[in-house]
Amino acid sequence: IMKVLLGFGIPVHFEQPLGSLMQRERCFRSWAASSGAAKCVVDYCCFGAPFRKSTALWSSPPWLLAGLEQRCPGDHEHEVTLSRWGAKDRNLATGNGSSAYPVQLCRAWHGAVLKQVLEHE
């Protein structure tokens, strides 16, 4: 679908947790290589969430998310710990409110895309 959209000149994003196995799939790697997609990593705690949740945002054209990447500087405590598959101490099970994008991330994402589209018109 992403290749078809790009063929029509429509920019695309692909979002997955940073360690997602989807990013290792042949179809994904083929799209990323053929489209020149760029990866941007964001940690939700940088956008007001009480947990870190590292997420990879891939975009094509590659400049589309320029300036959005923000990683946890490690200078604060996370109020909530997300569980991982098989984790024994679960403060917040993945999927229990952790899948929604933080509002601050949505605003920053929108702003980054708008800025880049206006600059590349």
PDB file of N, CA and C in Angstrom:
ATOM      1  N   ILE A   1       0.839  -1.197   0.000  1.00  0.00           N
ATOM      2  CA  ILE A   1       0.000   0.000   0.000  1.00  0.00           C
ATOM      3  C   ILE A   1       0.877   1.251   0.000  1.00  0.00           C
ATOM      4  N   MET A   2       1.959   1.215   0.801  1.00  0.00           N
ATOM      5  CA  MET A   2       2.817   2.401   0.882  1.00  0.00           C
ATOM      6  C   MET A   2       3.484   2.679  -0.459  1.00  0.00           C
ATOM      7  N   LYS A   3       3.878   1.640  -1.179  1.00  0.00           N
ATOM      8  CA  LYS A   3       4.491   1.839  -2.496  1.00  0.00           C
ATOM      9  C   LYS A   3       3.487   2.450  -3.473  1.00  0.00           C
ATOM     10  N   VAL A   4       2.251   2.000  -3.415  1.00  0.00           N
ATOM     11  CA  VAL A   4       1.214   2.536  -4.298  1.00  0.00           C
ATOM     12  C   VAL A   4       0.978   4.017  -3.983  1.00  0.00           C
ATOM     13  N   LEU A   5       0.859   4.338  -2.692  1.00  0.00           N
ATOM     14  CA  LEU A   5       0.646   5.737  -2.303  1.00  0.00           C
ATOM     15  C   LEU A   5       1.793   6.617  -2.781  1.00  0.00           C
ATOM     16  N   LEU A   6       3.016   6.144  -2.592  1.00  0.00           N
ATOM     17  CA  LEU A   6       4.170   6.920  -3.051  1.00  0.00           C
ATOM     18  C   LEU A   6       4.152   7.105  -4.563  1.00  0.00           C
ATOM     19  N   GLY A   7       3.666   6.084  -5.278  1.00  0.00           N
ATOM     20  CA  GLY A   7       3.546   6.189  -6.728  1.00  0.00           C
ATOM     21  C   GLY A   7       2.625   7.316  -7.156  1.00  0.00           C
ATOM     22  N   PHE A   8       1.671   7.640  -6.309  1.00  0.00           N
ATOM     23  CA  PHE A   8       0.757   8.754  -6.561  1.00  0.00           C
ATOM     24  C   PHE A   8       1.267  10.057  -5.958  1.00  0.00           C
ATOM     25  N   GLY A   9       2.468  10.035  -5.389  1.00  0.00           N
ATOM     26  CA  GLY A   9       3.050  11.228  -4.801  1.00  0.00           C
ATOM     27  C   GLY A   9       2.538  11.563  -3.406  1.00  0.00           C
ATOM     28  N   ILE A  10       1.929  10.584  -2.753  1.00  0.00           N
ATOM     29  CA  ILE A  10       1.383  10.796  -1.416  1.00  0.00           C
ATOM     30  C   ILE A  10       2.422  10.351  -0.382  1.00  0.00           C
ATOM     31  N   PRO A  11       2.873  11.245   0.492  1.00  0.00           N
ATOM     32  CA  PRO A  11       3.849  10.877   1.526  1.00  0.00           C
ATOM     33  C   PRO A  11       3.252   9.837   2.484  1.00  0.00           C
ATOM     34  N   VAL A  12       4.108   8.991   3.023  1.00  0.00           N
ATOM     35  CA  VAL A  12       3.636   7.954   3.937  1.00  0.00           C
ATOM     36  C   VAL A  12       4.493   7.897   5.200  1.00  0.00           C
ATOM     37  N   HIS A  13       3.863   7.415   6.275  1.00  0.00           N
ATOM     38  CA  HIS A  13       4.542   7.165   7.546  1.00  0.00           C
ATOM     39  C   HIS A  13       4.283   5.717   7.929  1.00  0.00           C
ATOM     40  N   PHE A  14       5.216   5.160   8.647  1.00  0.00           N
ATOM     41  CA  PHE A  14       5.069   3.811   9.188  1.00  0.00           C
ATOM     42  C   PHE A  14       5.530   3.881  10.632  1.00  0.00           C
ATOM     43  N   GLU A  15       4.690   3.472  11.572  1.00  0.00           N
ATOM     44  CA  GLU A  15       5.003   3.578  12.998  1.00  0.00           C
ATOM     45  C   GLU A  15       4.985   2.199  13.626  1.00  0.00           C
ATOM     46  N   GLN A  16       6.008   1.915  14.406  1.00  0.00           N
ATOM     47  CA  GLN A  16       6.096   0.649  15.136  1.00  0.00           C
ATOM     48  C   GLN A  16       6.919   0.872  16.401  1.00  0.00           C
ATOM     49  N   PRO A  17       6.695   0.066  17.444  1.00  0.00           N
ATOM     50  CA  PRO A  17       7.604   0.137  18.586  1.00  0.00           C
ATOM     51  C   PRO A  17       9.035  -0.070  18.092  1.00  0.00           C
ATOM     52  N   LEU A  18       9.988   0.551  18.737  1.00  0.00           N
ATOM     53  CA  LEU A  18      11.367   0.541  18.255  1.00  0.00           C
ATOM     54  C   LEU A  18      11.904  -0.858  17.984  1.00  0.00           C
ATOM     55  N   GLY A  19      11.616  -1.822  18.823  1.00  0.00           N
ATOM     56  CA  GLY A  19      12.148  -3.169  18.639  1.00  0.00           C
ATOM     57  C   GLY A  19      11.252  -4.108  17.855  1.00  0.00           C
ATOM     58  N   SER A  20      10.265  -3.579  17.158  1.00  0.00           N
ATOM     59  CA  SER A  20       9.295  -4.412  16.447  1.00  0.00           C
ATOM     60  C   SER A  20       9.946  -5.305  15.392  1.00  0.00           C
ATOM     61  N   LEU A  21       9.483  -6.540  15.349  1.00  0.00           N
ATOM     62  CA  LEU A  21       9.970  -7.485  14.343  1.00  0.00           C
ATOM     63  C   LEU A  21       9.508  -7.113  12.940  1.00  0.00           C
ATOM     64  N   MET A  22       8.444  -6.323  12.834  1.00  0.00           N
ATOM     65  CA  MET A  22       7.939  -5.902  11.521  1.00  0.00           C
ATOM     66  C   MET A  22       9.030  -5.212  10.709  1.00  0.00           C
ATOM     67  N   GLN A  23       9.908  -4.490  11.378  1.00  0.00           N
ATOM     68  CA  GLN A  23      10.955  -3.759  10.679  1.00  0.00           C
ATOM     69  C   GLN A  23      12.021  -4.679  10.087  1.00  0.00           C
ATOM     70  N   ARG A  24      11.956  -5.956  10.419  1.00  0.00           N
ATOM     71  CA  ARG A  24      12.887  -6.944   9.858  1.00  0.00           C
ATOM     72  C   ARG A  24      12.286  -7.703   8.672  1.00  0.00           C
ATOM     73  N   GLU A  25      11.001  -7.505   8.455  1.00  0.00           N
ATOM     74  CA  GLU A  25      10.320  -8.218   7.374  1.00  0.00           C
ATOM     75  C   GLU A  25      10.814  -7.753   6.010  1.00  0.00           C
ATOM     76  N   ARG A  26      10.885  -8.679   5.086  1.00  0.00           N
ATOM     77  CA  ARG A  26      11.368  -8.387   3.736  1.00  0.00           C
ATOM     78  C   ARG A  26      10.542  -7.301   3.056  1.00  0.00           C
ATOM     79  N   CYS A  27       9.222  -7.363   3.197  1.00  0.00           N
ATOM     80  CA  CYS A  27       8.368  -6.358   2.534  1.00  0.00           C
ATOM     81  C   CYS A  27       8.645  -4.962   3.091  1.00  0.00           C
ATOM     82  N   PHE A  28       8.866  -4.860   4.398  1.00  0.00           N
ATOM     83  CA  PHE A  28       9.160  -3.551   4.984  1.00  0.00           C
ATOM     84  C   PHE A  28      10.527  -3.058   4.518  1.00  0.00           C
ATOM     85  N   ARG A  29      11.533  -3.921   4.576  1.00  0.00           N
ATOM     86  CA  ARG A  29      12.882  -3.509   4.161  1.00  0.00           C
ATOM     87  C   ARG A  29      12.901  -3.108   2.702  1.00  0.00           C
ATOM     88  N   SER A  30      12.120  -3.801   1.888  1.00  0.00           N
ATOM     89  CA  SER A  30      12.034  -3.465   0.460  1.00  0.00           C
ATOM     90  C   SER A  30      11.447  -2.062   0.283  1.00  0.00           C
ATOM     91  N   TRP A  31      10.355  -1.783   1.012  1.00  0.00           N
ATOM     92  CA  TRP A  31       9.756  -0.449   0.928  1.00  0.00           C
ATOM     93  C   TRP A  31      10.746   0.612   1.395  1.00  0.00           C
ATOM     94  N   ALA A  32      11.389   0.381   2.542  1.00  0.00           N
ATOM     95  CA  ALA A  32      12.308   1.377   3.099  1.00  0.00           C
ATOM     96  C   ALA A  32      13.459   1.659   2.133  1.00  0.00           C
ATOM     97  N   ALA A  33      14.017   0.609   1.543  1.00  0.00           N
ATOM     98  CA  ALA A  33      15.145   0.782   0.618  1.00  0.00           C
ATOM     99  C   ALA A  33      14.709   1.465  -0.673  1.00  0.00           C
ATOM    100  N   SER A  34      13.597   1.015  -1.247  1.00  0.00           N
ATOM    101  CA  SER A  34      13.179   1.561  -2.545  1.00  0.00           C
ATOM    102  C   SER A  34      12.658   2.992  -2.435  1.00  0.00           C
ATOM    103  N   SER A  35      12.133   3.364  -1.264  1.00  0.00           N
ATOM    104  CA  SER A  35      11.575   4.708  -1.114  1.00  0.00           C
ATOM    105  C   SER A  35      12.570   5.685  -0.490  1.00  0.00           C
ATOM    106  N   GLY A  36      13.699   5.172  -0.008  1.00  0.00           N
ATOM    107  CA  GLY A  36      14.657   6.039   0.679  1.00  0.00           C
ATOM    108  C   GLY A  36      14.130   6.520   2.012  1.00  0.00           C
ATOM    109  N   ALA A  37      13.230   5.741   2.628  1.00  0.00           N
ATOM    110  CA  ALA A  37      12.597   6.133   3.883  1.00  0.00           C
ATOM    111  C   ALA A  37      13.639   6.389   4.970  1.00  0.00           C
ATOM    112  N   ALA A  38      13.313   7.310   5.855  1.00  0.00           N
ATOM    113  CA  ALA A  38      14.189   7.643   6.978  1.00  0.00           C
ATOM    114  C   ALA A  38      13.486   7.287   8.278  1.00  0.00           C
ATOM    115  N   LYS A  39      14.274   6.847   9.263  1.00  0.00           N
ATOM    116  CA  LYS A  39      13.731   6.491  10.579  1.00  0.00           C
ATOM    117  C   LYS A  39      13.951   7.639  11.555  1.00  0.00           C
ATOM    118  N   CYS A  40      12.920   7.940  12.301  1.00  0.00           N
ATOM    119  CA  CYS A  40      12.947   8.943  13.360  1.00  0.00           C
ATOM    120  C   CYS A  40      12.485   8.227  14.626  1.00  0.00           C
ATOM    121  N   VAL A  41      13.240   8.321  15.709  1.00  0.00           N
ATOM    122  CA  VAL A  41      12.858   7.654  16.953  1.00  0.00           C
ATOM    123  C   VAL A  41      12.400   8.693  17.968  1.00  0.00           C
ATOM    124  N   VAL A  42      11.259   8.411  18.583  1.00  0.00           N
ATOM    125  CA  VAL A  42      10.736   9.283  19.634  1.00  0.00           C
ATOM    126  C   VAL A  42      10.490   8.456  20.890  1.00  0.00           C
ATOM    127  N   ASP A  43      10.736   9.056  22.040  1.00  0.00           N
ATOM    128  CA  ASP A  43      10.397   8.464  23.328  1.00  0.00           C
ATOM    129  C   ASP A  43       9.223   9.256  23.874  1.00  0.00           C
ATOM    130  N   TYR A  44       8.146   8.554  24.208  1.00  0.00           N
ATOM    131  CA  TYR A  44       6.907   9.221  24.613  1.00  0.00           C
ATOM    132  C   TYR A  44       7.081  10.126  25.825  1.00  0.00           C
ATOM    133  N   CYS A  45       8.039   9.815  26.709  1.00  0.00           N
ATOM    134  CA  CYS A  45       8.218  10.656  27.901  1.00  0.00           C
ATOM    135  C   CYS A  45       8.656  12.072  27.523  1.00  0.00           C
ATOM    136  N   CYS A  46       9.254  12.236  26.372  1.00  0.00           N
ATOM    137  CA  CYS A  46       9.661  13.564  25.906  1.00  0.00           C
ATOM    138  C   CYS A  46       8.463  14.391  25.451  1.00  0.00           C
ATOM    139  N   PHE A  47       7.319  13.724  25.359  1.00  0.00           N
ATOM    140  CA  PHE A  47       6.102  14.387  24.893  1.00  0.00           C
ATOM    141  C   PHE A  47       4.991  14.301  25.939  1.00  0.00           C
ATOM    142  N   GLY A  48       5.395  14.239  27.213  1.00  0.00           N
ATOM    143  CA  GLY A  48       4.435  14.322  28.305  1.00  0.00           C
ATOM    144  C   GLY A  48       3.878  13.016  28.841  1.00  0.00           C
ATOM    145  N   ALA A  49       4.234  11.880  28.275  1.00  0.00           N
ATOM    146  CA  ALA A  49       3.734  10.600  28.789  1.00  0.00           C
ATOM    147  C   ALA A  49       4.504  10.218  30.059  1.00  0.00           C
ATOM    148  N   PRO A  50       3.877   9.480  30.972  1.00  0.00           N
ATOM    149  CA  PRO A  50       4.556   9.081  32.203  1.00  0.00           C
ATOM    150  C   PRO A  50       5.450   7.857  32.025  1.00  0.00           C
ATOM    151  N   PHE A  51       5.663   7.438  30.788  1.00  0.00           N
ATOM    152  CA  PHE A  51       6.500   6.283  30.481  1.00  0.00           C
ATOM    153  C   PHE A  51       7.340   6.595  29.251  1.00  0.00           C
ATOM    154  N   ARG A  52       8.383   5.798  29.037  1.00  0.00           N
ATOM    155  CA  ARG A  52       9.324   6.074  27.952  1.00  0.00           C
ATOM    156  C   ARG A  52       8.791   5.673  26.572  1.00  0.00           C
ATOM    157  N   LYS A  53       8.401   4.498  26.341  1.00  0.00           N
ATOM    158  CA  LYS A  53       7.949   3.906  25.072  1.00  0.00           C
ATOM    159  C   LYS A  53       8.670   4.477  23.842  1.00  0.00           C
ATOM    160  N   SER A  54       9.748   3.821  23.468  1.00  0.00           N
ATOM    161  CA  SER A  54      10.511   4.213  22.274  1.00  0.00           C
ATOM    162  C   SER A  54       9.784   3.719  21.034  1.00  0.00           C
ATOM    163  N   THR A  55       9.567   4.608  20.099  1.00  0.00           N
ATOM    164  CA  THR A  55       8.797   4.303  18.900  1.00  0.00           C
ATOM    165  C   THR A  55       9.549   4.784  17.665  1.00  0.00           C
ATOM    166  N   ALA A  56       9.578   3.933  16.642  1.00  0.00           N
ATOM    167  CA  ALA A  56      10.210   4.287  15.368  1.00  0.00           C
ATOM    168  C   ALA A  56       9.141   4.794  14.412  1.00  0.00           C
ATOM    169  N   LEU A  57       9.382   5.953  13.853  1.00  0.00           N
ATOM    170  CA  LEU A  57       8.508   6.537  12.839  1.00  0.00           C
ATOM    171  C   LEU A  57       9.322   6.588  11.546  1.00  0.00           C
ATOM    172  N   TRP A  58       8.914   5.871  10.553  1.00  0.00           N
ATOM    173  CA  TRP A  58       9.581   5.879   9.249  1.00  0.00           C
ATOM    174  C   TRP A  58       8.777   6.764   8.319  1.00  0.00           C
ATOM    175  N   SER A  59       9.461   7.517   7.490  1.00  0.00           N
ATOM    176  CA  SER A  59       8.741   8.389   6.568  1.00  0.00           C
ATOM    177  C   SER A  59       9.398   8.407   5.200  1.00  0.00           C
ATOM    178  N   SER A  60       8.558   8.569   4.216  1.00  0.00           N
ATOM    179  CA  SER A  60       9.013   8.770   2.852  1.00  0.00           C
ATOM    180  C   SER A  60       8.075   9.798   2.246  1.00  0.00           C
ATOM    181  N   PRO A  61       8.618  10.884   1.775  1.00  0.00           N
ATOM    182  CA  PRO A  61      10.018  11.201   1.572  1.00  0.00           C
ATOM    183  C   PRO A  61      10.779  11.297   2.901  1.00  0.00           C
ATOM    184  N   PRO A  62      12.102  11.058   2.830  1.00  0.00           N
ATOM    185  CA  PRO A  62      12.895  10.958   4.054  1.00  0.00           C
ATOM    186  C   PRO A  62      12.964  12.232   4.896  1.00  0.00           C
ATOM    187  N   TRP A  63      12.754  13.376   4.320  1.00  0.00           N
ATOM    188  CA  TRP A  63      12.834  14.646   5.058  1.00  0.00           C
ATOM    189  C   TRP A  63      11.554  14.981   5.815  1.00  0.00           C
ATOM    190  N   LEU A  64      10.510  14.203   5.635  1.00  0.00           N
ATOM    191  CA  LEU A  64       9.188  14.551   6.134  1.00  0.00           C
ATOM    192  C   LEU A  64       9.120  14.749   7.648  1.00  0.00           C
ATOM    193  N   LEU A  65       9.888  13.996   8.420  1.00  0.00           N
ATOM    194  CA  LEU A  65       9.835  14.116   9.877  1.00  0.00           C
ATOM    195  C   LEU A  65      11.087  14.764  10.462  1.00  0.00           C
ATOM    196  N   ALA A  66      11.809  15.494   9.651  1.00  0.00           N
ATOM    197  CA  ALA A  66      13.030  16.155  10.116  1.00  0.00           C
ATOM    198  C   ALA A  66      12.732  17.017  11.333  1.00  0.00           C
ATOM    199  N   GLY A  67      13.549  16.884  12.360  1.00  0.00           N
ATOM    200  CA  GLY A  67      13.405  17.693  13.559  1.00  0.00           C
ATOM    201  C   GLY A  67      12.475  17.126  14.612  1.00  0.00           C
ATOM    202  N   LEU A  68      11.808  16.017  14.334  1.00  0.00           N
ATOM    203  CA  LEU A  68      10.863  15.457  15.301  1.00  0.00           C
ATOM    204  C   LEU A  68      11.542  14.548  16.332  1.00  0.00           C
ATOM    205  N   GLU A  69      12.636  13.908  15.958  1.00  0.00           N
ATOM    206  CA  GLU A  69      13.252  12.916  16.848  1.00  0.00           C
ATOM    207  C   GLU A  69      13.604  13.507  18.215  1.00  0.00           C
ATOM    208  N   GLN A  70      13.164  12.813  19.269  1.00  0.00           N
ATOM    209  CA  GLN A  70      13.510  13.183  20.644  1.00  0.00           C
ATOM    210  C   GLN A  70      13.660  11.904  21.449  1.00  0.00           C
ATOM    211  N   ARG A  71      14.823  11.751  22.071  1.00  0.00           N
ATOM    212  CA  ARG A  71      15.107  10.578  22.893  1.00  0.00           C
ATOM    213  C   ARG A  71      15.189  10.980  24.358  1.00  0.00           C
ATOM    214  N   CYS A  72      14.834  10.068  25.223  1.00  0.00           N
ATOM    215  CA  CYS A  72      14.858  10.310  26.659  1.00  0.00           C
ATOM    216  C   CYS A  72      16.284  10.635  27.094  1.00  0.00           C
ATOM    217  N   PRO A  73      16.483  11.786  27.745  1.00  0.00           N
ATOM    218  CA  PRO A  73      17.832  12.148  28.184  1.00  0.00           C
ATOM    219  C   PRO A  73      18.267  11.398  29.443  1.00  0.00           C
ATOM    220  N   GLY A  74      17.324  10.692  30.082  1.00  0.00           N
ATOM    221  CA  GLY A  74      17.648   9.924  31.274  1.00  0.00           C
ATOM    222  C   GLY A  74      17.783  10.764  32.532  1.00  0.00           C
ATOM    223  N   ASP A  75      17.313  11.993  32.492  1.00  0.00           N
ATOM    224  CA  ASP A  75      17.458  12.885  33.641  1.00  0.00           C
ATOM    225  C   ASP A  75      16.194  12.964  34.516  1.00  0.00           C
ATOM    226  N   HIS A  76      15.291  11.991  34.326  1.00  0.00           N
ATOM    227  CA  HIS A  76      14.052  11.998  35.104  1.00  0.00           C
ATOM    228  C   HIS A  76      13.591  10.565  35.348  1.00  0.00           C
ATOM    229  N   GLU A  77      12.694  10.418  36.312  1.00  0.00           N
ATOM    230  CA  GLU A  77      12.098   9.118  36.614  1.00  0.00           C
ATOM    231  C   GLU A  77      10.840   8.958  35.766  1.00  0.00           C
ATOM    232  N   HIS A  78      10.573   7.739  35.344  1.00  0.00           N
ATOM    233  CA  HIS A  78       9.329   7.445  34.643  1.00  0.00           C
ATOM    234  C   HIS A  78       8.328   6.955  35.680  1.00  0.00           C
ATOM    235  N   GLU A  79       7.178   7.595  35.733  1.00  0.00           N
ATOM    236  CA  GLU A  79       6.163   7.261  36.732  1.00  0.00           C
ATOM    237  C   GLU A  79       5.602   5.860  36.532  1.00  0.00           C
ATOM    238  N   VAL A  80       5.601   5.398  35.286  1.00  0.00           N
ATOM    239  CA  VAL A  80       5.010   4.113  34.928  1.00  0.00           C
ATOM    240  C   VAL A  80       6.031   3.316  34.145  1.00  0.00           C
ATOM    241  N   THR A  81       6.074   2.013  34.409  1.00  0.00           N
ATOM    242  CA  THR A  81       6.935   1.124  33.640  1.00  0.00           C
ATOM    243  C   THR A  81       6.042   0.263  32.757  1.00  0.00           C
ATOM    244  N   LEU A  82       6.328   0.241  31.483  1.00  0.00           N
ATOM    245  CA  LEU A  82       5.566  -0.613  30.577  1.00  0.00           C
ATOM    246  C   LEU A  82       6.105  -2.025  30.678  1.00  0.00           C
ATOM    247  N   SER A  83       5.220  -2.989  30.593  1.00  0.00           N
ATOM    248  CA  SER A  83       5.659  -4.383  30.641  1.00  0.00           C
ATOM    249  C   SER A  83       6.152  -4.810  29.266  1.00  0.00           C
ATOM    250  N   ARG A  84       6.945  -5.837  29.261  1.00  0.00           N
ATOM    251  CA  ARG A  84       7.393  -6.457  28.014  1.00  0.00           C
ATOM    252  C   ARG A  84       6.860  -7.871  28.020  1.00  0.00           C
ATOM    253  N   TRP A  85       6.905  -8.522  26.881  1.00  0.00           N
ATOM    254  CA  TRP A  85       6.438  -9.903  26.807  1.00  0.00           C
ATOM    255  C   TRP A  85       7.169 -10.729  27.854  1.00  0.00           C
ATOM    256  N   GLY A  86       6.431 -11.386  28.718  1.00  0.00           N
ATOM    257  CA  GLY A  86       7.014 -12.260  29.713  1.00  0.00           C
ATOM    258  C   GLY A  86       7.534 -11.556  30.945  1.00  0.00           C
ATOM    259  N   ALA A  87       7.353 -10.238  31.058  1.00  0.00           N
ATOM    260  CA  ALA A  87       7.854  -9.510  32.220  1.00  0.00           C
ATOM    261  C   ALA A  87       7.069  -9.927  33.462  1.00  0.00           C
ATOM    262  N   LYS A  88       7.762 -10.018  34.587  1.00  0.00           N
ATOM    263  CA  LYS A  88       7.104 -10.433  35.825  1.00  0.00           C
ATOM    264  C   LYS A  88       6.532  -9.264  36.603  1.00  0.00           C
ATOM    265  N   ASP A  89       7.195  -8.114  36.582  1.00  0.00           N
ATOM    266  CA  ASP A  89       6.662  -6.955  37.307  1.00  0.00           C
ATOM    267  C   ASP A  89       6.026  -6.001  36.308  1.00  0.00           C
ATOM    268  N   ARG A  90       4.725  -5.952  36.327  1.00  0.00           N
ATOM    269  CA  ARG A  90       3.992  -5.165  35.344  1.00  0.00           C
ATOM    270  C   ARG A  90       3.292  -4.001  36.028  1.00  0.00           C
ATOM    271  N   ASN A  91       3.732  -2.815  35.722  1.00  0.00           N
ATOM    272  CA  ASN A  91       3.060  -1.631  36.239  1.00  0.00           C
ATOM    273  C   ASN A  91       1.936  -1.210  35.303  1.00  0.00           C
ATOM    274  N   LEU A  92       2.163  -1.342  34.037  1.00  0.00           N
ATOM    275  CA  LEU A  92       1.150  -1.006  33.039  1.00  0.00           C
ATOM    276  C   LEU A  92       1.329  -1.968  31.887  1.00  0.00           C
ATOM    277  N   ALA A  93       0.383  -2.837  31.691  1.00  0.00           N
ATOM    278  CA  ALA A  93       0.491  -3.805  30.603  1.00  0.00           C
ATOM    279  C   ALA A  93       0.416  -3.079  29.271  1.00  0.00           C
ATOM    280  N   THR A  94       1.272  -3.449  28.342  1.00  0.00           N
ATOM    281  CA  THR A  94       1.263  -2.837  27.026  1.00  0.00           C
ATOM    282  C   THR A  94      -0.132  -2.983  26.433  1.00  0.00           C
ATOM    283  N   GLY A  95      -0.663  -1.897  25.938  1.00  0.00           N
ATOM    284  CA  GLY A  95      -2.010  -1.902  25.387  1.00  0.00           C
ATOM    285  C   GLY A  95      -3.032  -1.300  26.334  1.00  0.00           C
ATOM    286  N   ASN A  96      -2.692  -1.146  27.608  1.00  0.00           N
ATOM    287  CA  ASN A  96      -3.605  -0.523  28.574  1.00  0.00           C
ATOM    288  C   ASN A  96      -3.345   0.972  28.648  1.00  0.00           C
ATOM    289  N   GLY A  97      -3.692   1.686  27.618  1.00  0.00           N
ATOM    290  CA  GLY A  97      -3.503   3.122  27.616  1.00  0.00           C
ATOM    291  C   GLY A  97      -2.159   3.573  27.091  1.00  0.00           C
ATOM    292  N   SER A  98      -1.265   2.635  26.817  1.00  0.00           N
ATOM    293  CA  SER A  98       0.063   3.032  26.362  1.00  0.00           C
ATOM    294  C   SER A  98       0.150   3.133  24.847  1.00  0.00           C
ATOM    295  N   SER A  99      -0.895   2.705  24.141  1.00  0.00           N
ATOM    296  CA  SER A  99      -0.816   2.724  22.687  1.00  0.00           C
ATOM    297  C   SER A  99      -1.254   4.053  22.073  1.00  0.00           C
ATOM    298  N   ALA A 100      -1.973   4.851  22.825  1.00  0.00           N
ATOM    299  CA  ALA A 100      -2.404   6.156  22.306  1.00  0.00           C
ATOM    300  C   ALA A 100      -1.207   7.094  22.220  1.00  0.00           C
ATOM    301  N   TYR A 101      -1.163   7.881  21.164  1.00  0.00           N
ATOM    302  CA  TYR A 101      -0.088   8.868  21.038  1.00  0.00           C
ATOM    303  C   TYR A 101      -0.311   9.993  22.045  1.00  0.00           C
ATOM    304  N   PRO A 102       0.741  10.435  22.734  1.00  0.00           N
ATOM    305  CA  PRO A 102       0.583  11.603  23.606  1.00  0.00           C
ATOM    306  C   PRO A 102       0.183  12.826  22.771  1.00  0.00           C
ATOM    307  N   VAL A 103      -0.659  13.670  23.336  1.00  0.00           N
ATOM    308  CA  VAL A 103      -1.132  14.859  22.626  1.00  0.00           C
ATOM    309  C   VAL A 103       0.045  15.723  22.172  1.00  0.00           C
ATOM    310  N   GLN A 104       1.053  15.886  23.031  1.00  0.00           N
ATOM    311  CA  GLN A 104       2.215  16.704  22.660  1.00  0.00           C
ATOM    312  C   GLN A 104       2.953  16.109  21.457  1.00  0.00           C
ATOM    313  N   LEU A 105       2.993  14.779  21.358  1.00  0.00           N
ATOM    314  CA  LEU A 105       3.622  14.145  20.197  1.00  0.00           C
ATOM    315  C   LEU A 105       2.798  14.426  18.945  1.00  0.00           C
ATOM    316  N   CYS A 106       1.492  14.332  19.050  1.00  0.00           N
ATOM    317  CA  CYS A 106       0.635  14.609  17.894  1.00  0.00           C
ATOM    318  C   CYS A 106       0.851  16.027  17.382  1.00  0.00           C
ATOM    319  N   ARG A 107       0.937  16.963  18.300  1.00  0.00           N
ATOM    320  CA  ARG A 107       1.151  18.360  17.902  1.00  0.00           C
ATOM    321  C   ARG A 107       2.516  18.542  17.250  1.00  0.00           C
ATOM    322  N   ALA A 108       3.539  17.926  17.846  1.00  0.00           N
ATOM    323  CA  ALA A 108       4.891  18.046  17.287  1.00  0.00           C
ATOM    324  C   ALA A 108       4.975  17.359  15.928  1.00  0.00           C
ATOM    325  N   TRP A 109       4.339  16.206  15.793  1.00  0.00           N
ATOM    326  CA  TRP A 109       4.328  15.453  14.537  1.00  0.00           C
ATOM    327  C   TRP A 109       3.661  16.288  13.454  1.00  0.00           C
ATOM    328  N   HIS A 110       2.496  16.834  13.759  1.00  0.00           N
ATOM    329  CA  HIS A 110       1.783  17.692  12.814  1.00  0.00           C
ATOM    330  C   HIS A 110       2.645  18.885  12.411  1.00  0.00           C
ATOM    331  N   GLY A 111       3.264  19.529  13.401  1.00  0.00           N
ATOM    332  CA  GLY A 111       4.099  20.691  13.123  1.00  0.00           C
ATOM    333  C   GLY A 111       5.303  20.358  12.258  1.00  0.00           C
ATOM    334  N   ALA A 112       5.935  19.204  12.530  1.00  0.00           N
ATOM    335  CA  ALA A 112       7.106  18.796  11.741  1.00  0.00           C
ATOM    336  C   ALA A 112       6.722  18.537  10.288  1.00  0.00           C
ATOM    337  N   VAL A 113       5.619  17.832  10.088  1.00  0.00           N
ATOM    338  CA  VAL A 113       5.168  17.539   8.717  1.00  0.00           C
ATOM    339  C   VAL A 113       4.788  18.826   8.002  1.00  0.00           C
ATOM    340  N   LEU A 114       4.016  19.678   8.658  1.00  0.00           N
ATOM    341  CA  LEU A 114       3.599  20.936   8.039  1.00  0.00           C
ATOM    342  C   LEU A 114       4.807  21.783   7.648  1.00  0.00           C
ATOM    343  N   LYS A 115       5.758  21.912   8.546  1.00  0.00           N
ATOM    344  CA  LYS A 115       6.962  22.707   8.280  1.00  0.00           C
ATOM    345  C   LYS A 115       7.721  22.157   7.075  1.00  0.00           C
ATOM    346  N   GLN A 116       7.899  20.850   7.033  1.00  0.00           N
ATOM    347  CA  GLN A 116       8.665  20.253   5.941  1.00  0.00           C
ATOM    348  C   GLN A 116       7.920  20.349   4.607  1.00  0.00           C
ATOM    349  N   VAL A 117       6.628  20.145   4.635  1.00  0.00           N
ATOM    350  CA  VAL A 117       5.858  20.233   3.386  1.00  0.00           C
ATOM    351  C   VAL A 117       5.912  21.651   2.838  1.00  0.00           C
ATOM    352  N   LEU A 118       5.764  22.643   3.704  1.00  0.00           N
ATOM    353  CA  LEU A 118       5.822  24.040   3.262  1.00  0.00           C
ATOM    354  C   LEU A 118       7.204  24.396   2.721  1.00  0.00           C
ATOM    355  N   GLU A 119       8.256  23.867   3.340  1.00  0.00           N
ATOM    356  CA  GLU A 119       9.614  24.152   2.884  1.00  0.00           C
ATOM    357  C   GLU A 119       9.950  23.457   1.563  1.00  0.00           C
ATOM    358  N   HIS A 120       9.280  22.344   1.262  1.00  0.00           N
ATOM    359  CA  HIS A 120       9.601  21.578   0.071  1.00  0.00           C
ATOM    360  C   HIS A 120       8.583  21.748  -1.061  1.00  0.00           C
ATOM    361  N   GLU A 121       7.723  22.746  -0.942  1.00  0.00           N
ATOM    362  CA  GLU A 121       6.738  22.985  -2.024  1.00  0.00           C
ATOM    363  C   GLU A 121       7.419  23.558  -3.242  1.00  0.00           C
TER     364      GLU A 121
END
